[in-house]
Amino acid sequence: MMAALFSAQGRFTIPPTHPAFAGHFPGQPMLPGVVLLDLIQAEADLAAHGLILTGIAQVKFLRPVRPGETVTFALAEQAGRRLAIVAATQAGPVLRGQLLLGDRARP
C-alpha cells in the first residue's frame, strides 16, 4: 500500500512584537526568510506527520513580510521527496520553491 502524499494549508499573522524584527531593519522592519520558513514548518506541523525538512532545493523570496501581515501558505509533497511551497500576504506572493523531505527516525 502506497502512503498518501502530505499537503497542508494555513495562515498566521506576524505580530509587530516578534523578536525577529529587532534589527531587521531599523525603520524598515522585515521578517528574515529563515524565520518565515521556520514559522511555516511549525504551523504545518510536519513532525506530527513523521516528516522533517532535510534541505532546500530552491526557494525564491519575492517580497518582504512586514510586521502585522498575515501569511497564507500551501505545501504539497511531490515525487522525489520534495515539498512544493508557496506563501503570500495580502500584498501579494512572498515566496515559492521546493524543500527536501526526509522521514523522521522512528524509535
Protein backbone atom coordinates (compact mmCIF):
# COMPACT_ATOMS: atom_id res chain seq x y z
CA MET A 1 0.00 0.00 0.00
CA MET A 2 1.41 3.40 -1.00
CA ALA A 3 1.46 6.17 1.62
CA ALA A 4 -0.61 9.26 0.90
CA LEU A 5 1.31 12.35 -0.07
CA PHE A 6 1.42 15.13 2.50
CA SER A 7 -0.21 18.50 1.91
CA ALA A 8 -1.09 21.39 4.18
CA GLN A 9 -2.50 24.88 4.06
CA GLY A 10 -2.58 27.50 6.75
CA ARG A 11 -2.34 31.09 7.79
CA PHE A 12 -0.80 33.05 10.62
CA THR A 13 -0.21 36.68 11.50
CA ILE A 14 3.26 38.00 12.30
CA PRO A 15 2.91 40.20 15.40
CA PRO A 16 4.78 43.51 15.27
CA THR A 17 6.46 42.46 18.54
CA HIS A 18 8.04 39.31 17.02
CA PRO A 19 11.70 39.30 18.14
CA ALA A 20 12.96 38.69 14.58
CA PHE A 21 12.04 42.29 13.67
CA ALA A 22 14.57 43.69 16.15
CA GLY A 23 17.47 44.88 14.00
CA HIS A 24 15.90 43.72 10.69
CA PHE A 25 15.99 46.57 9.70
CA PRO A 26 15.66 49.83 11.66
CA GLY A 27 12.95 51.97 10.08
CA GLN A 28 12.05 49.22 7.55
CA PRO A 29 11.33 46.06 9.59
CA MET A 30 11.09 42.80 7.65
CA LEU A 31 10.92 39.15 8.64
CA PRO A 32 14.09 37.20 7.78
CA GLY A 33 13.42 34.43 5.25
CA VAL A 34 14.73 31.67 7.51
CA VAL A 35 12.24 32.74 10.20
CA LEU A 36 9.40 32.69 7.67
CA LEU A 37 10.32 29.14 6.60
CA ASP A 38 10.54 28.05 10.25
CA LEU A 39 7.12 29.53 11.07
CA ILE A 40 5.54 27.77 8.08
CA GLN A 41 7.15 24.46 9.06
CA ALA A 42 5.88 24.82 12.62
CA GLU A 43 2.37 25.81 11.53
CA ALA A 44 2.15 22.85 9.11
CA ASP A 45 3.31 20.55 11.95
CA LEU A 46 5.48 18.37 9.72
CA ALA A 47 6.82 16.43 12.71
CA ALA A 48 3.32 15.22 13.60
CA HIS A 49 3.18 13.63 10.14
CA GLY A 50 6.53 11.87 10.58
CA LEU A 51 8.38 14.29 8.28
CA ILE A 52 11.41 16.51 8.65
CA LEU A 53 12.98 19.02 6.31
CA THR A 54 16.45 17.99 5.23
CA GLY A 55 17.26 20.85 2.91
CA ILE A 56 16.21 23.48 0.45
CA ALA A 57 16.20 22.56 -3.23
CA GLN A 58 15.22 26.09 -4.30
CA VAL A 59 13.40 29.00 -2.64
CA LYS A 60 12.79 32.44 -4.04
CA PHE A 61 11.72 35.24 -1.71
CA LEU A 62 9.56 37.59 -3.74
CA ARG A 63 8.89 40.44 -1.31
CA PRO A 64 9.46 41.12 2.40
CA VAL A 65 6.97 40.21 5.11
CA ARG A 66 6.25 43.22 7.33
CA PRO A 67 5.06 43.42 10.95
CA GLY A 68 1.36 42.68 11.36
CA GLU A 69 0.94 40.96 7.98
CA THR A 70 -0.98 37.70 7.67
CA VAL A 71 0.80 34.95 5.77
CA THR A 72 -1.13 32.23 3.94
CA PHE A 73 0.76 29.17 2.71
CA ALA A 74 0.33 25.89 0.90
CA LEU A 75 2.62 22.87 0.95
CA ALA A 76 2.35 19.82 -1.32
CA GLU A 77 4.57 16.76 -1.33
CA GLN A 78 5.85 15.84 -4.78
CA ALA A 79 7.82 12.97 -6.27
CA GLY A 80 11.41 12.63 -5.18
CA ARG A 81 10.70 13.59 -1.55
CA ARG A 82 10.23 17.25 -2.45
CA LEU A 83 7.79 19.65 -0.85
CA ALA A 84 6.45 22.47 -3.02
CA ILE A 85 5.88 25.65 -1.02
CA VAL A 86 4.09 28.90 -1.80
CA ALA A 87 3.21 31.75 0.56
CA ALA A 88 1.60 35.16 0.25
CA THR A 89 0.33 38.10 2.26
CA GLN A 90 -2.50 40.45 1.40
CA ALA A 91 0.13 42.49 -0.50
CA GLY A 92 0.99 39.57 -2.81
CA PRO A 93 3.25 36.50 -3.11
CA VAL A 94 6.21 36.35 -0.70
CA LEU A 95 7.89 33.04 -1.57
CA ARG A 96 7.81 29.95 -3.73
CA GLY A 97 10.08 26.98 -4.02
CA GLN A 98 10.84 23.38 -3.19
CA LEU A 99 12.11 21.91 0.05
CA LEU A 100 13.65 18.47 0.58
CA LEU A 101 11.95 15.95 2.87
CA GLY A 102 13.24 13.06 4.91
CA ASP A 103 11.48 10.51 7.10
CA ARG A 104 11.65 11.13 10.81
CA ALA A 105 13.64 8.50 12.64
CA ARG A 106 11.32 6.04 14.39
CA PRO A 107 12.25 4.88 17.93
